[in-house]
């Protein structure tokens, strides 16, 4: 397990974990003791955090598009920067919402009470709060 967060109601845990050499996002329902793998690809999916009072969450990934499909990629197809994405199963279980699309890294998102998000970004070569 790399990162994790509890939902506000305490019923769910979202986490990133490494399995078979790739980091993916998982949802664990505490009451039903069941787990769902949200992502399953070579992209580096990290830092998942629930929005306040919601089942949706934001995370950082170096994925190139917003579609959740299981696919095999060559390592040369991976990019070296991370953007932010939202997973909301009430909207779609196969499509993400891309929040950023830059040539630098955005990591460690923190949703705020007003649904805005702060995160670290290295557009100057050093990670700063954005």
Protein backbone atom coordinates (compact mmCIF):
# COMPACT_ATOMS: atom_id res chain seq x y z
CA UNK A 1 0.00 0.00 0.00
CA UNK A 2 1.37 3.39 -1.03
CA UNK A 3 -1.34 5.90 0.00
CA UNK A 4 -4.85 5.68 1.46
CA UNK A 5 -7.80 7.74 2.63
CA UNK A 6 -11.08 7.05 4.48
CA UNK A 7 -14.43 8.37 3.28
CA UNK A 8 -16.08 10.85 5.66
CA UNK A 9 -18.73 8.31 6.66
CA UNK A 10 -16.02 5.77 7.51
CA UNK A 11 -17.53 3.12 5.23
CA UNK A 12 -14.91 3.13 2.46
CA UNK A 13 -11.17 3.26 1.98
CA UNK A 14 -9.49 4.31 -1.25
CA UNK A 15 -5.85 3.35 -1.65
CA UNK A 16 -3.06 2.99 -4.15
CA UNK A 17 -1.04 -0.17 -4.03
CA UNK A 18 1.59 -1.89 -6.08
CA UNK A 19 0.75 -5.27 -7.59
CA UNK A 20 2.76 -7.07 -10.27
CA UNK A 21 5.03 -4.04 -10.64
CA UNK A 22 2.32 -1.46 -11.27
CA UNK A 23 0.56 0.98 -8.97
CA UNK A 24 -3.22 1.05 -9.19
CA UNK A 25 -6.19 2.47 -7.27
CA UNK A 26 -8.52 0.27 -5.20
CA UNK A 27 -11.74 0.89 -3.28
CA UNK A 28 -12.47 -1.15 -0.17
CA UNK A 29 -16.01 -1.23 1.28
CA UNK A 30 -15.62 -1.86 5.00
CA UNK A 31 -19.16 -3.06 5.79
CA UNK A 32 -19.32 -5.60 2.96
CA UNK A 33 -15.62 -6.48 3.23
CA UNK A 34 -15.31 -6.15 -0.57
CA UNK A 35 -12.67 -4.61 -2.77
CA UNK A 36 -12.86 -3.14 -6.27
CA UNK A 37 -9.85 -2.43 -8.44
CA UNK A 38 -10.53 0.95 -10.09
CA UNK A 39 -7.44 1.17 -12.34
CA UNK A 40 -5.54 -1.69 -13.94
CA UNK A 41 -2.76 -0.51 -16.25
CA UNK A 42 0.91 0.47 -16.34
CA UNK A 43 0.21 4.10 -15.43
CA UNK A 44 1.35 5.28 -12.00
CA UNK A 45 -1.85 5.99 -10.04
CA UNK A 46 -1.12 7.55 -6.66
CA UNK A 47 -2.30 9.79 -3.82
CA UNK A 48 -6.08 9.10 -3.87
CA UNK A 49 -8.16 11.32 -1.56
CA UNK A 50 -11.94 11.39 -1.11
CA UNK A 51 -13.89 14.61 -1.55
CA UNK A 52 -15.58 15.73 1.67
CA UNK A 53 -18.92 13.95 2.12
CA UNK A 54 -18.71 12.17 -1.24
CA UNK A 55 -17.82 8.79 -2.72
CA UNK A 56 -15.75 10.41 -5.50
CA UNK A 57 -12.02 10.98 -5.13
CA UNK A 58 -9.11 12.77 -6.79
CA UNK A 59 -5.75 11.17 -7.54
CA UNK A 60 -2.49 11.78 -9.38
CA UNK A 61 -1.50 9.76 -12.46
CA UNK A 62 0.81 9.83 -15.46
CA UNK A 63 -1.96 8.39 -17.67
CA UNK A 64 -2.34 9.87 -21.13
CA UNK A 65 -6.16 9.83 -21.34
CA UNK A 66 -9.25 9.72 -19.16
CA UNK A 67 -10.59 6.28 -20.07
CA UNK A 68 -10.34 3.37 -17.63
CA UNK A 69 -9.65 0.31 -19.70
CA UNK A 70 -7.34 -2.60 -19.07
CA UNK A 71 -4.63 -2.46 -21.68
CA UNK A 72 -1.05 -3.38 -22.20
CA UNK A 73 1.37 -0.57 -23.00
CA UNK A 74 5.02 -0.50 -23.87
CA UNK A 75 7.11 1.24 -21.24
CA UNK A 76 8.19 3.76 -23.88
CA UNK A 77 4.55 4.95 -24.09
CA UNK A 78 4.60 6.17 -20.47
CA UNK A 79 5.10 9.86 -19.84
CA UNK A 80 7.13 11.33 -17.02
CA UNK A 81 4.63 13.80 -15.57
CA UNK A 82 1.56 13.40 -13.39
CA UNK A 83 -1.80 15.12 -13.78
CA UNK A 84 -4.86 15.09 -11.51
CA UNK A 85 -7.99 13.05 -12.22
CA UNK A 86 -11.36 12.55 -10.53
CA UNK A 87 -13.09 9.19 -10.27
CA UNK A 88 -16.83 9.46 -9.61
CA UNK A 89 -18.71 6.15 -9.92
CA UNK A 90 -22.03 8.04 -9.90
CA UNK A 91 -21.00 9.68 -13.20
CA UNK A 92 -19.07 6.85 -14.89
CA UNK A 93 -17.09 3.76 -13.90
CA UNK A 94 -15.08 3.79 -17.14
CA UNK A 95 -14.31 7.48 -17.60
CA UNK A 96 -12.33 9.88 -15.41
CA UNK A 97 -12.49 13.65 -15.25
CA UNK A 98 -9.11 15.20 -16.02
CA UNK A 99 -8.39 18.24 -13.83
CA UNK A 100 -4.95 19.16 -15.13
CA UNK A 101 -3.01 18.59 -18.34
CA UNK A 102 0.46 20.04 -18.07
CA UNK A 103 4.04 19.11 -18.91
CA UNK A 104 5.00 19.09 -15.21
CA UNK A 105 3.90 17.16 -12.14
CA UNK A 106 0.84 17.68 -9.96
CA UNK A 107 0.80 15.44 -6.89
CA UNK A 108 -0.64 15.06 -3.39
CA UNK A 109 -4.09 16.59 -4.02
CA UNK A 110 -6.18 17.75 -1.05
CA UNK A 111 -9.89 18.46 -1.65
CA UNK A 112 -11.24 21.35 0.40
CA UNK A 113 -14.73 21.82 1.84
CA UNK A 114 -15.77 24.10 -1.04
CA UNK A 115 -14.83 21.34 -3.58
CA UNK A 116 -11.70 23.20 -4.69
CA UNK A 117 -8.41 21.30 -4.63
CA UNK A 118 -4.93 22.27 -3.53
CA UNK A 119 -1.94 20.20 -4.63
CA UNK A 120 1.80 20.27 -5.12
CA UNK A 121 3.09 21.29 -8.54
CA UNK A 122 6.65 21.52 -9.86
CA UNK A 123 6.29 23.97 -12.75
CA UNK A 124 9.38 25.86 -11.49
CA UNK A 125 11.46 22.72 -10.90
CA UNK A 126 10.59 22.70 -7.19
CA UNK A 127 7.30 21.43 -5.76
CA UNK A 128 5.09 24.30 -4.58
CA UNK A 129 1.52 24.53 -3.32
CA UNK A 130 -0.95 25.37 -6.06
